[in-house]
ModelCIF file with pLDDT and N, C-alpha, C, O atoms, coordinates in Angstrom:
data_MODEL
#
_entry.id   MODEL 
#
_entity.id                         1 
_entity.type                       polymer 
_entity.pdbx_number_of_molecules   1 
#
_entity_poly.entity_id                      1 
_entity_poly.type                           'polypeptide(L)' 
_entity_poly.nstd_linkage                   no 
_entity_poly.nstd_monomer                   no 
_entity_poly.pdbx_seq_one_letter_code       LFYGLEAIREAGIVDVGIIVGETAAEIETAVGDGSAFGIRVTYIQQE 
_entity_poly.pdbx_seq_one_letter_code_can   LFYGLEAIREAGIVDVGIIVGETAAEIETAVGDGSAFGIRVTYIQQE 
_entity_poly.pdbx_strand_id                 A 
#
loop_
_entity_poly_seq.entity_id 
_entity_poly_seq.num 
_entity_poly_seq.mon_id 
_entity_poly_seq.hetero 
1 1  LEU n 
1 2  PHE n 
1 3  TYR n 
1 4  GLY n 
1 5  LEU n 
1 6  GLU n 
1 7  ALA n 
1 8  ILE n 
1 9  ARG n 
1 10 GLU n 
1 11 ALA n 
1 12 GLY n 
1 13 ILE n 
1 14 VAL n 
1 15 ASP n 
1 16 VAL n 
1 17 GLY n 
1 18 ILE n 
1 19 ILE n 
1 20 VAL n 
1 21 GLY n 
1 22 GLU n 
1 23 THR n 
1 24 ALA n 
1 25 ALA n 
1 26 GLU n 
1 27 ILE n 
1 28 GLU n 
1 29 THR n 
1 30 ALA n 
1 31 VAL n 
1 32 GLY n 
1 33 ASP n 
1 34 GLY n 
1 35 SER n 
1 36 ALA n 
1 37 PHE n 
1 38 GLY n 
1 39 ILE n 
1 40 ARG n 
1 41 VAL n 
1 42 THR n 
1 43 TYR n 
1 44 ILE n 
1 45 GLN n 
1 46 GLN n 
1 47 GLU n 
#
_struct_asym.id          A 
_struct_asym.entity_id   1 
#
loop_
_ma_qa_metric.id 
_ma_qa_metric.mode 
_ma_qa_metric.name 
_ma_qa_metric.software_group_id 
_ma_qa_metric.type 
1 global pLDDT . pLDDT 
2 local  pLDDT . pLDDT 
#
_ma_qa_metric_global.metric_id      1 
_ma_qa_metric_global.metric_value   94.60 
_ma_qa_metric_global.model_id       1 
_ma_qa_metric_global.ordinal_id     1 
#
loop_
_ma_qa_metric_local.label_asym_id 
_ma_qa_metric_local.label_comp_id 
_ma_qa_metric_local.label_seq_id 
_ma_qa_metric_local.metric_id 
_ma_qa_metric_local.metric_value 
_ma_qa_metric_local.model_id 
_ma_qa_metric_local.ordinal_id 
A LEU 1  2 94.00 1 1  
A PHE 2  2 96.00 1 2  
A TYR 3  2 93.00 1 3  
A GLY 4  2 93.00 1 4  
A LEU 5  2 96.00 1 5  
A GLU 6  2 95.00 1 6  
A ALA 7  2 94.00 1 7  
A ILE 8  2 96.00 1 8  
A ARG 9  2 97.00 1 9  
A GLU 10 2 96.00 1 10 
A ALA 11 2 95.00 1 11 
A GLY 12 2 96.00 1 12 
A ILE 13 2 97.00 1 13 
A VAL 14 2 97.00 1 14 
A ASP 15 2 98.00 1 15 
A VAL 16 2 98.00 1 16 
A GLY 17 2 97.00 1 17 
A ILE 18 2 97.00 1 18 
A ILE 19 2 95.00 1 19 
A VAL 20 2 94.00 1 20 
A GLY 21 2 88.00 1 21 
A GLU 22 2 85.00 1 22 
A THR 23 2 87.00 1 23 
A ALA 24 2 92.00 1 24 
A ALA 25 2 92.00 1 25 
A GLU 26 2 91.00 1 26 
A ILE 27 2 93.00 1 27 
A GLU 28 2 95.00 1 28 
A THR 29 2 94.00 1 29 
A ALA 30 2 94.00 1 30 
A VAL 31 2 96.00 1 31 
A GLY 32 2 96.00 1 32 
A ASP 33 2 96.00 1 33 
A GLY 34 2 96.00 1 34 
A SER 35 2 96.00 1 35 
A ALA 36 2 95.00 1 36 
A PHE 37 2 96.00 1 37 
A GLY 38 2 96.00 1 38 
A ILE 39 2 97.00 1 39 
A ARG 40 2 97.00 1 40 
A VAL 41 2 97.00 1 41 
A THR 42 2 97.00 1 42 
A TYR 43 2 97.00 1 43 
A ILE 44 2 96.00 1 44 
A GLN 45 2 94.00 1 45 
A GLN 46 2 92.00 1 46 
A GLU 47 2 87.00 1 47 
#
loop_
_atom_site.group_PDB 
_atom_site.id 
_atom_site.type_symbol 
_atom_site.label_atom_id 
_atom_site.label_alt_id 
_atom_site.label_comp_id 
_atom_site.label_asym_id 
_atom_site.label_entity_id 
_atom_site.label_seq_id 
_atom_site.pdbx_PDB_ins_code 
_atom_site.Cartn_x 
_atom_site.Cartn_y 
_atom_site.Cartn_z 
_atom_site.occupancy 
_atom_site.B_iso_or_equiv 
_atom_site.pdbx_formal_charge 
_atom_site.auth_seq_id 
_atom_site.auth_comp_id 
_atom_site.auth_asym_id 
_atom_site.auth_atom_id 
_atom_site.pdbx_PDB_model_num 
ATOM 1   N N  . LEU A 1 1  ? 113.058 95.153  101.089 1.00 94.00 ? 1  LEU A N  1 
ATOM 2   C CA . LEU A 1 1  ? 111.511 94.812  100.869 1.00 94.00 ? 1  LEU A CA 1 
ATOM 3   C C  . LEU A 1 1  ? 111.318 94.392  99.354  1.00 94.00 ? 1  LEU A C  1 
ATOM 4   O O  . LEU A 1 1  ? 110.618 93.424  99.056  1.00 94.00 ? 1  LEU A O  1 
ATOM 5   N N  . PHE A 1 2  ? 111.926 95.113  98.479  1.00 96.00 ? 2  PHE A N  1 
ATOM 6   C CA . PHE A 1 2  ? 111.537 94.975  96.981  1.00 96.00 ? 2  PHE A CA 1 
ATOM 7   C C  . PHE A 1 2  ? 112.027 93.502  96.609  1.00 96.00 ? 2  PHE A C  1 
ATOM 8   O O  . PHE A 1 2  ? 111.264 92.793  95.953  1.00 96.00 ? 2  PHE A O  1 
ATOM 9   N N  . TYR A 1 3  ? 113.161 93.060  96.970  1.00 93.00 ? 3  TYR A N  1 
ATOM 10  C CA . TYR A 1 3  ? 113.552 91.783  96.684  1.00 93.00 ? 3  TYR A CA 1 
ATOM 11  C C  . TYR A 1 3  ? 112.559 90.670  96.993  1.00 93.00 ? 3  TYR A C  1 
ATOM 12  O O  . TYR A 1 3  ? 112.369 89.721  96.233  1.00 93.00 ? 3  TYR A O  1 
ATOM 13  N N  . GLY A 1 4  ? 111.859 90.867  98.301  1.00 93.00 ? 4  GLY A N  1 
ATOM 14  C CA . GLY A 1 4  ? 110.912 89.960  98.594  1.00 93.00 ? 4  GLY A CA 1 
ATOM 15  C C  . GLY A 1 4  ? 109.568 90.144  97.836  1.00 93.00 ? 4  GLY A C  1 
ATOM 16  O O  . GLY A 1 4  ? 108.832 89.160  97.752  1.00 93.00 ? 4  GLY A O  1 
ATOM 17  N N  . LEU A 1 5  ? 109.207 91.255  97.308  1.00 96.00 ? 5  LEU A N  1 
ATOM 18  C CA . LEU A 1 5  ? 107.880 91.384  96.553  1.00 96.00 ? 5  LEU A CA 1 
ATOM 19  C C  . LEU A 1 5  ? 108.313 90.697  95.155  1.00 96.00 ? 5  LEU A C  1 
ATOM 20  O O  . LEU A 1 5  ? 107.483 89.962  94.620  1.00 96.00 ? 5  LEU A O  1 
ATOM 21  N N  . GLU A 1 6  ? 109.522 90.890  94.555  1.00 95.00 ? 6  GLU A N  1 
ATOM 22  C CA . GLU A 1 6  ? 109.781 90.347  93.374  1.00 95.00 ? 6  GLU A CA 1 
ATOM 23  C C  . GLU A 1 6  ? 109.853 88.913  93.405  1.00 95.00 ? 6  GLU A C  1 
ATOM 24  O O  . GLU A 1 6  ? 109.471 88.242  92.446  1.00 95.00 ? 6  GLU A O  1 
ATOM 25  N N  . ALA A 1 7  ? 110.404 88.317  94.638  1.00 94.00 ? 7  ALA A N  1 
ATOM 26  C CA . ALA A 1 7  ? 110.511 86.899  94.729  1.00 94.00 ? 7  ALA A CA 1 
ATOM 27  C C  . ALA A 1 7  ? 108.980 86.317  94.801  1.00 94.00 ? 7  ALA A C  1 
ATOM 28  O O  . ALA A 1 7  ? 108.692 85.261  94.239  1.00 94.00 ? 7  ALA A O  1 
ATOM 29  N N  . ILE A 1 8  ? 108.270 86.887  95.345  1.00 96.00 ? 8  ILE A N  1 
ATOM 30  C CA . ILE A 1 8  ? 106.636 86.330  95.542  1.00 96.00 ? 8  ILE A CA 1 
ATOM 31  C C  . ILE A 1 8  ? 106.258 86.386  94.219  1.00 96.00 ? 8  ILE A C  1 
ATOM 32  O O  . ILE A 1 8  ? 105.868 85.319  93.747  1.00 96.00 ? 8  ILE A O  1 
ATOM 33  N N  . ARG A 1 9  ? 106.273 87.499  93.382  1.00 97.00 ? 9  ARG A N  1 
ATOM 34  C CA . ARG A 1 9  ? 105.688 87.574  92.045  1.00 97.00 ? 9  ARG A CA 1 
ATOM 35  C C  . ARG A 1 9  ? 106.465 86.511  91.225  1.00 97.00 ? 9  ARG A C  1 
ATOM 36  O O  . ARG A 1 9  ? 105.786 85.781  90.503  1.00 97.00 ? 9  ARG A O  1 
ATOM 37  N N  . GLU A 1 10 ? 107.603 86.366  91.247  1.00 96.00 ? 10 GLU A N  1 
ATOM 38  C CA . GLU A 1 10 ? 108.124 85.262  90.321  1.00 96.00 ? 10 GLU A CA 1 
ATOM 39  C C  . GLU A 1 10 ? 107.750 83.875  90.705  1.00 96.00 ? 10 GLU A C  1 
ATOM 40  O O  . GLU A 1 10 ? 107.906 82.941  89.919  1.00 96.00 ? 10 GLU A O  1 
ATOM 41  N N  . ALA A 1 11 ? 107.239 83.716  91.952  1.00 95.00 ? 11 ALA A N  1 
ATOM 42  C CA . ALA A 1 11 ? 106.730 82.378  92.443  1.00 95.00 ? 11 ALA A CA 1 
ATOM 43  C C  . ALA A 1 11 ? 105.253 82.175  91.909  1.00 95.00 ? 11 ALA A C  1 
ATOM 44  O O  . ALA A 1 11 ? 104.634 81.125  92.081  1.00 95.00 ? 11 ALA A O  1 
ATOM 45  N N  . GLY A 1 12 ? 104.711 83.355  91.200  1.00 96.00 ? 12 GLY A N  1 
ATOM 46  C CA . GLY A 1 12 ? 103.357 83.233  90.536  1.00 96.00 ? 12 GLY A CA 1 
ATOM 47  C C  . GLY A 1 12 ? 102.248 83.698  91.599  1.00 96.00 ? 12 GLY A C  1 
ATOM 48  O O  . GLY A 1 12 ? 101.069 83.378  91.451  1.00 96.00 ? 12 GLY A O  1 
ATOM 49  N N  . ILE A 1 13 ? 102.636 84.368  92.536  1.00 97.00 ? 13 ILE A N  1 
ATOM 50  C CA . ILE A 1 13 ? 101.647 84.972  93.620  1.00 97.00 ? 13 ILE A CA 1 
ATOM 51  C C  . ILE A 1 13 ? 101.380 86.573  93.341  1.00 97.00 ? 13 ILE A C  1 
ATOM 52  O O  . ILE A 1 13 ? 102.273 87.403  93.172  1.00 97.00 ? 13 ILE A O  1 
ATOM 53  N N  . VAL A 1 14 ? 100.378 86.757  93.330  1.00 97.00 ? 14 VAL A N  1 
ATOM 54  C CA . VAL A 1 14 ? 99.959  88.415  92.919  1.00 97.00 ? 14 VAL A CA 1 
ATOM 55  C C  . VAL A 1 14 ? 99.093  89.039  93.939  1.00 97.00 ? 14 VAL A C  1 
ATOM 56  O O  . VAL A 1 14 ? 99.046  90.265  94.047  1.00 97.00 ? 14 VAL A O  1 
ATOM 57  N N  . ASP A 1 15 ? 98.416  88.260  94.677  1.00 98.00 ? 15 ASP A N  1 
ATOM 58  C CA . ASP A 1 15 ? 97.680  88.854  95.763  1.00 98.00 ? 15 ASP A CA 1 
ATOM 59  C C  . ASP A 1 15 ? 98.582  88.860  97.177  1.00 98.00 ? 15 ASP A C  1 
ATOM 60  O O  . ASP A 1 15 ? 98.922  87.812  97.727  1.00 98.00 ? 15 ASP A O  1 
ATOM 61  N N  . VAL A 1 16 ? 98.896  90.102  97.649  1.00 98.00 ? 16 VAL A N  1 
ATOM 62  C CA . VAL A 1 16 ? 99.906  90.237  98.500  1.00 98.00 ? 16 VAL A CA 1 
ATOM 63  C C  . VAL A 1 16 ? 99.321  91.370  99.658  1.00 98.00 ? 16 VAL A C  1 
ATOM 64  O O  . VAL A 1 16 ? 99.052  92.531  99.349  1.00 98.00 ? 16 VAL A O  1 
ATOM 65  N N  . GLY A 1 17 ? 99.195  90.887  100.866 1.00 97.00 ? 17 GLY A N  1 
ATOM 66  C CA . GLY A 1 17 ? 99.027  91.621  101.928 1.00 97.00 ? 17 GLY A CA 1 
ATOM 67  C C  . GLY A 1 17 ? 100.145 92.072  102.621 1.00 97.00 ? 17 GLY A C  1 
ATOM 68  O O  . GLY A 1 17 ? 100.857 91.203  103.125 1.00 97.00 ? 17 GLY A O  1 
ATOM 69  N N  . ILE A 1 18 ? 100.501 93.405  102.776 1.00 97.00 ? 18 ILE A N  1 
ATOM 70  C CA . ILE A 1 18 ? 101.570 94.161  103.580 1.00 97.00 ? 18 ILE A CA 1 
ATOM 71  C C  . ILE A 1 18 ? 101.294 94.588  104.857 1.00 97.00 ? 18 ILE A C  1 
ATOM 72  O O  . ILE A 1 18 ? 100.747 95.689  104.925 1.00 97.00 ? 18 ILE A O  1 
ATOM 73  N N  . ILE A 1 19 ? 101.591 93.852  106.179 1.00 95.00 ? 19 ILE A N  1 
ATOM 74  C CA . ILE A 1 19 ? 101.430 94.452  107.354 1.00 95.00 ? 19 ILE A CA 1 
ATOM 75  C C  . ILE A 1 19 ? 102.324 95.685  107.635 1.00 95.00 ? 19 ILE A C  1 
ATOM 76  O O  . ILE A 1 19 ? 103.503 95.753  107.288 1.00 95.00 ? 19 ILE A O  1 
ATOM 77  N N  . VAL A 1 20 ? 101.703 96.574  108.242 1.00 94.00 ? 20 VAL A N  1 
ATOM 78  C CA . VAL A 1 20 ? 102.324 97.949  108.273 1.00 94.00 ? 20 VAL A CA 1 
ATOM 79  C C  . VAL A 1 20 ? 102.162 98.394  109.772 1.00 94.00 ? 20 VAL A C  1 
ATOM 80  O O  . VAL A 1 20 ? 101.155 98.107  110.420 1.00 94.00 ? 20 VAL A O  1 
ATOM 81  N N  . GLY A 1 21 ? 103.239 99.129  110.295 1.00 88.00 ? 21 GLY A N  1 
ATOM 82  C CA . GLY A 1 21 ? 102.977 99.865  111.534 1.00 88.00 ? 21 GLY A CA 1 
ATOM 83  C C  . GLY A 1 21 ? 103.162 101.369 111.374 1.00 88.00 ? 21 GLY A C  1 
ATOM 84  O O  . GLY A 1 21 ? 102.539 102.103 110.607 1.00 88.00 ? 21 GLY A O  1 
ATOM 85  N N  . GLU A 1 22 ? 104.165 101.713 112.267 1.00 85.00 ? 22 GLU A N  1 
ATOM 86  C CA . GLU A 1 22 ? 104.231 103.225 112.331 1.00 85.00 ? 22 GLU A CA 1 
ATOM 87  C C  . GLU A 1 22 ? 104.917 103.851 111.211 1.00 85.00 ? 22 GLU A C  1 
ATOM 88  O O  . GLU A 1 22 ? 104.915 105.079 111.125 1.00 85.00 ? 22 GLU A O  1 
ATOM 89  N N  . THR A 1 23 ? 105.556 103.067 110.270 1.00 87.00 ? 23 THR A N  1 
ATOM 90  C CA . THR A 1 23 ? 106.150 103.508 109.165 1.00 87.00 ? 23 THR A CA 1 
ATOM 91  C C  . THR A 1 23 ? 105.280 103.272 108.018 1.00 87.00 ? 23 THR A C  1 
ATOM 92  O O  . THR A 1 23 ? 105.775 103.201 106.893 1.00 87.00 ? 23 THR A O  1 
ATOM 93  N N  . ALA A 1 24 ? 104.067 103.149 108.201 1.00 92.00 ? 24 ALA A N  1 
ATOM 94  C CA . ALA A 1 24 ? 103.121 102.810 107.131 1.00 92.00 ? 24 ALA A CA 1 
ATOM 95  C C  . ALA A 1 24 ? 103.118 103.657 105.836 1.00 92.00 ? 24 ALA A C  1 
ATOM 96  O O  . ALA A 1 24 ? 103.130 103.216 104.686 1.00 92.00 ? 24 ALA A O  1 
ATOM 97  N N  . ALA A 1 25 ? 103.099 105.004 106.241 1.00 92.00 ? 25 ALA A N  1 
ATOM 98  C CA . ALA A 1 25 ? 103.179 105.936 105.091 1.00 92.00 ? 25 ALA A CA 1 
ATOM 99  C C  . ALA A 1 25 ? 104.159 105.645 104.110 1.00 92.00 ? 25 ALA A C  1 
ATOM 100 O O  . ALA A 1 25 ? 103.951 105.392 102.923 1.00 92.00 ? 25 ALA A O  1 
ATOM 101 N N  . GLU A 1 26 ? 105.389 105.709 104.781 1.00 91.00 ? 26 GLU A N  1 
ATOM 102 C CA . GLU A 1 26 ? 106.682 105.451 103.961 1.00 91.00 ? 26 GLU A CA 1 
ATOM 103 C C  . GLU A 1 26 ? 106.699 104.204 103.110 1.00 91.00 ? 26 GLU A C  1 
ATOM 104 O O  . GLU A 1 26 ? 107.264 104.236 102.017 1.00 91.00 ? 26 GLU A O  1 
ATOM 105 N N  . ILE A 1 27 ? 106.090 103.064 103.566 1.00 93.00 ? 27 ILE A N  1 
ATOM 106 C CA . ILE A 1 27 ? 106.106 101.684 102.926 1.00 93.00 ? 27 ILE A CA 1 
ATOM 107 C C  . ILE A 1 27 ? 105.047 101.982 101.872 1.00 93.00 ? 27 ILE A C  1 
ATOM 108 O O  . ILE A 1 27 ? 105.366 101.671 100.725 1.00 93.00 ? 27 ILE A O  1 
ATOM 109 N N  . GLU A 1 28 ? 103.850 102.526 102.050 1.00 95.00 ? 28 GLU A N  1 
ATOM 110 C CA . GLU A 1 28 ? 102.873 102.806 101.045 1.00 95.00 ? 28 GLU A CA 1 
ATOM 111 C C  . GLU A 1 28 ? 103.245 103.693 99.956  1.00 95.00 ? 28 GLU A C  1 
ATOM 112 O O  . GLU A 1 28 ? 102.750 103.576 98.834  1.00 95.00 ? 28 GLU A O  1 
ATOM 113 N N  . THR A 1 29 ? 104.082 104.554 100.252 1.00 94.00 ? 29 THR A N  1 
ATOM 114 C CA . THR A 1 29 ? 104.737 105.464 99.191  1.00 94.00 ? 29 THR A CA 1 
ATOM 115 C C  . THR A 1 29 ? 105.674 104.799 98.280  1.00 94.00 ? 29 THR A C  1 
ATOM 116 O O  . THR A 1 29 ? 105.738 105.070 97.081  1.00 94.00 ? 29 THR A O  1 
ATOM 117 N N  . ALA A 1 30 ? 106.459 103.853 98.920  1.00 94.00 ? 30 ALA A N  1 
ATOM 118 C CA . ALA A 1 30 ? 107.311 103.194 98.003  1.00 94.00 ? 30 ALA A CA 1 
ATOM 119 C C  . ALA A 1 30 ? 106.730 101.957 97.339  1.00 94.00 ? 30 ALA A C  1 
ATOM 120 O O  . ALA A 1 30 ? 107.268 101.570 96.302  1.00 94.00 ? 30 ALA A O  1 
ATOM 121 N N  . VAL A 1 31 ? 105.898 101.430 97.728  1.00 96.00 ? 31 VAL A N  1 
ATOM 122 C CA . VAL A 1 31 ? 105.250 100.147 97.020  1.00 96.00 ? 31 VAL A CA 1 
ATOM 123 C C  . VAL A 1 31 ? 104.096 100.529 96.252  1.00 96.00 ? 31 VAL A C  1 
ATOM 124 O O  . VAL A 1 31 ? 103.867 99.894  95.223  1.00 96.00 ? 31 VAL A O  1 
ATOM 125 N N  . GLY A 1 32 ? 103.269 101.549 96.622  1.00 96.00 ? 32 GLY A N  1 
ATOM 126 C CA . GLY A 1 32 ? 102.028 101.953 96.076  1.00 96.00 ? 32 GLY A CA 1 
ATOM 127 C C  . GLY A 1 32 ? 101.063 100.659 96.178  1.00 96.00 ? 32 GLY A C  1 
ATOM 128 O O  . GLY A 1 32 ? 100.921 99.878  97.119  1.00 96.00 ? 32 GLY A O  1 
ATOM 129 N N  . ASP A 1 33 ? 100.438 100.683 94.890  1.00 96.00 ? 33 ASP A N  1 
ATOM 130 C CA . ASP A 1 33 ? 99.365  99.587  94.698  1.00 96.00 ? 33 ASP A CA 1 
ATOM 131 C C  . ASP A 1 33 ? 99.905  98.135  94.190  1.00 96.00 ? 33 ASP A C  1 
ATOM 132 O O  . ASP A 1 33 ? 99.187  97.180  93.897  1.00 96.00 ? 33 ASP A O  1 
ATOM 133 N N  . GLY A 1 34 ? 101.172 98.174  94.154  1.00 96.00 ? 34 GLY A N  1 
ATOM 134 C CA . GLY A 1 34 ? 101.949 96.987  93.669  1.00 96.00 ? 34 GLY A CA 1 
ATOM 135 C C  . GLY A 1 34 ? 102.147 96.712  92.237  1.00 96.00 ? 34 GLY A C  1 
ATOM 136 O O  . GLY A 1 34 ? 102.931 95.867  91.805  1.00 96.00 ? 34 GLY A O  1 
ATOM 137 N N  . SER A 1 35 ? 101.365 97.501  91.497  1.00 96.00 ? 35 SER A N  1 
ATOM 138 C CA . SER A 1 35 ? 101.529 97.380  90.030  1.00 96.00 ? 35 SER A CA 1 
ATOM 139 C C  . SER A 1 35 ? 102.929 97.359  89.395  1.00 96.00 ? 35 SER A C  1 
ATOM 140 O O  . SER A 1 35 ? 103.207 96.631  88.443  1.00 96.00 ? 35 SER A O  1 
ATOM 141 N N  . ALA A 1 36 ? 103.746 98.161  89.953  1.00 95.00 ? 36 ALA A N  1 
ATOM 142 C CA . ALA A 1 36 ? 105.219 98.271  89.725  1.00 95.00 ? 36 ALA A CA 1 
ATOM 143 C C  . ALA A 1 36 ? 105.839 96.746  89.783  1.00 95.00 ? 36 ALA A C  1 
ATOM 144 O O  . ALA A 1 36 ? 106.742 96.422  89.012  1.00 95.00 ? 36 ALA A O  1 
ATOM 145 N N  . PHE A 1 37 ? 105.379 95.980  90.596  1.00 96.00 ? 37 PHE A N  1 
ATOM 146 C CA . PHE A 1 37 ? 106.133 94.684  90.820  1.00 96.00 ? 37 PHE A CA 1 
ATOM 147 C C  . PHE A 1 37 ? 105.244 93.617  90.165  1.00 96.00 ? 37 PHE A C  1 
ATOM 148 O O  . PHE A 1 37 ? 105.691 92.471  90.104  1.00 96.00 ? 37 PHE A O  1 
ATOM 149 N N  . GLY A 1 38 ? 103.926 93.910  89.629  1.00 96.00 ? 38 GLY A N  1 
ATOM 150 C CA . GLY A 1 38 ? 103.212 92.945  88.965  1.00 96.00 ? 38 GLY A CA 1 
ATOM 151 C C  . GLY A 1 38 ? 102.389 92.274  89.932  1.00 96.00 ? 38 GLY A C  1 
ATOM 152 O O  . GLY A 1 38 ? 102.013 91.131  89.668  1.00 96.00 ? 38 GLY A O  1 
ATOM 153 N N  . ILE A 1 39 ? 101.992 92.919  91.217  1.00 97.00 ? 39 ILE A N  1 
ATOM 154 C CA . ILE A 1 39 ? 101.130 92.311  92.083  1.00 97.00 ? 39 ILE A CA 1 
ATOM 155 C C  . ILE A 1 39 ? 100.186 93.269  92.506  1.00 97.00 ? 39 ILE A C  1 
ATOM 156 O O  . ILE A 1 39 ? 100.377 94.445  92.196  1.00 97.00 ? 39 ILE A O  1 
ATOM 157 N N  . ARG A 1 40 ? 98.987  92.879  93.305  1.00 97.00 ? 40 ARG A N  1 
ATOM 158 C CA . ARG A 1 40 ? 97.995  93.662  93.933  1.00 97.00 ? 40 ARG A CA 1 
ATOM 159 C C  . ARG A 1 40 ? 98.225  93.698  95.373  1.00 97.00 ? 40 ARG A C  1 
ATOM 160 O O  . ARG A 1 40 ? 98.335  92.630  95.975  1.00 97.00 ? 40 ARG A O  1 
ATOM 161 N N  . VAL A 1 41 ? 98.315  94.888  96.034  1.00 97.00 ? 41 VAL A N  1 
ATOM 162 C CA . VAL A 1 41 ? 98.791  95.179  97.386  1.00 97.00 ? 41 VAL A CA 1 
ATOM 163 C C  . VAL A 1 41 ? 97.505  95.577  98.251  1.00 97.00 ? 41 VAL A C  1 
ATOM 164 O O  . VAL A 1 41 ? 96.731  96.478  97.928  1.00 97.00 ? 41 VAL A O  1 
ATOM 165 N N  . THR A 1 42 ? 97.379  94.751  99.436  1.00 97.00 ? 42 THR A N  1 
ATOM 166 C CA . THR A 1 42 ? 96.402  95.239  100.440 1.00 97.00 ? 42 THR A CA 1 
ATOM 167 C C  . THR A 1 42 ? 97.112  95.617  101.536 1.00 97.00 ? 42 THR A C  1 
ATOM 168 O O  . THR A 1 42 ? 97.981  94.819  101.887 1.00 97.00 ? 42 THR A O  1 
ATOM 169 N N  . TYR A 1 43 ? 96.967  96.747  102.263 1.00 97.00 ? 43 TYR A N  1 
ATOM 170 C CA . TYR A 1 43 ? 97.681  97.200  103.418 1.00 97.00 ? 43 TYR A CA 1 
ATOM 171 C C  . TYR A 1 43 ? 96.905  96.773  104.616 1.00 97.00 ? 43 TYR A C  1 
ATOM 172 O O  . TYR A 1 43 ? 95.680  96.897  104.630 1.00 97.00 ? 43 TYR A O  1 
ATOM 173 N N  . ILE A 1 44 ? 97.565  96.275  105.623 1.00 96.00 ? 44 ILE A N  1 
ATOM 174 C CA . ILE A 1 44 ? 96.777  95.893  106.808 1.00 96.00 ? 44 ILE A CA 1 
ATOM 175 C C  . ILE A 1 44 ? 97.561  96.518  107.972 1.00 96.00 ? 44 ILE A C  1 
ATOM 176 O O  . ILE A 1 44 ? 98.709  96.154  108.230 1.00 96.00 ? 44 ILE A O  1 
ATOM 177 N N  . GLN A 1 45 ? 96.895  97.495  108.689 1.00 94.00 ? 45 GLN A N  1 
ATOM 178 C CA . GLN A 1 45 ? 97.494  97.979  109.914 1.00 94.00 ? 45 GLN A CA 1 
ATOM 179 C C  . GLN A 1 45 ? 97.591  97.320  111.125 1.00 94.00 ? 45 GLN A C  1 
ATOM 180 O O  . GLN A 1 45 ? 96.595  96.880  111.700 1.00 94.00 ? 45 GLN A O  1 
ATOM 181 N N  . GLN A 1 46 ? 98.907  97.202  111.631 1.00 92.00 ? 46 GLN A N  1 
ATOM 182 C CA . GLN A 1 46 ? 98.978  96.353  112.957 1.00 92.00 ? 46 GLN A CA 1 
ATOM 183 C C  . GLN A 1 46 ? 99.357  97.489  113.857 1.00 92.00 ? 46 GLN A C  1 
ATOM 184 O O  . GLN A 1 46 ? 100.349 98.175  113.608 1.00 92.00 ? 46 GLN A O  1 
ATOM 185 N N  . GLU A 1 47 ? 98.512  97.727  115.008 1.00 87.00 ? 47 GLU A N  1 
ATOM 186 C CA . GLU A 1 47 ? 98.610  98.794  116.028 1.00 87.00 ? 47 GLU A CA 1 
ATOM 187 C C  . GLU A 1 47 ? 99.926  98.937  116.704 1.00 87.00 ? 47 GLU A C  1 
ATOM 188 O O  . GLU A 1 47 ? 100.086 99.802  117.565 1.00 87.00 ? 47 GLU A O  1 
#
């Protein structure tokens, strides 16, 4: 996942929505608010 987030930032995109499911807590712990990647992350739950 980190390779994709880095590629998005390198393309000049900073507003990123991440679709999460049953592993949402793990994804959110790893990515956080996105500041480590130079992006702003909004999490969107898919049931």
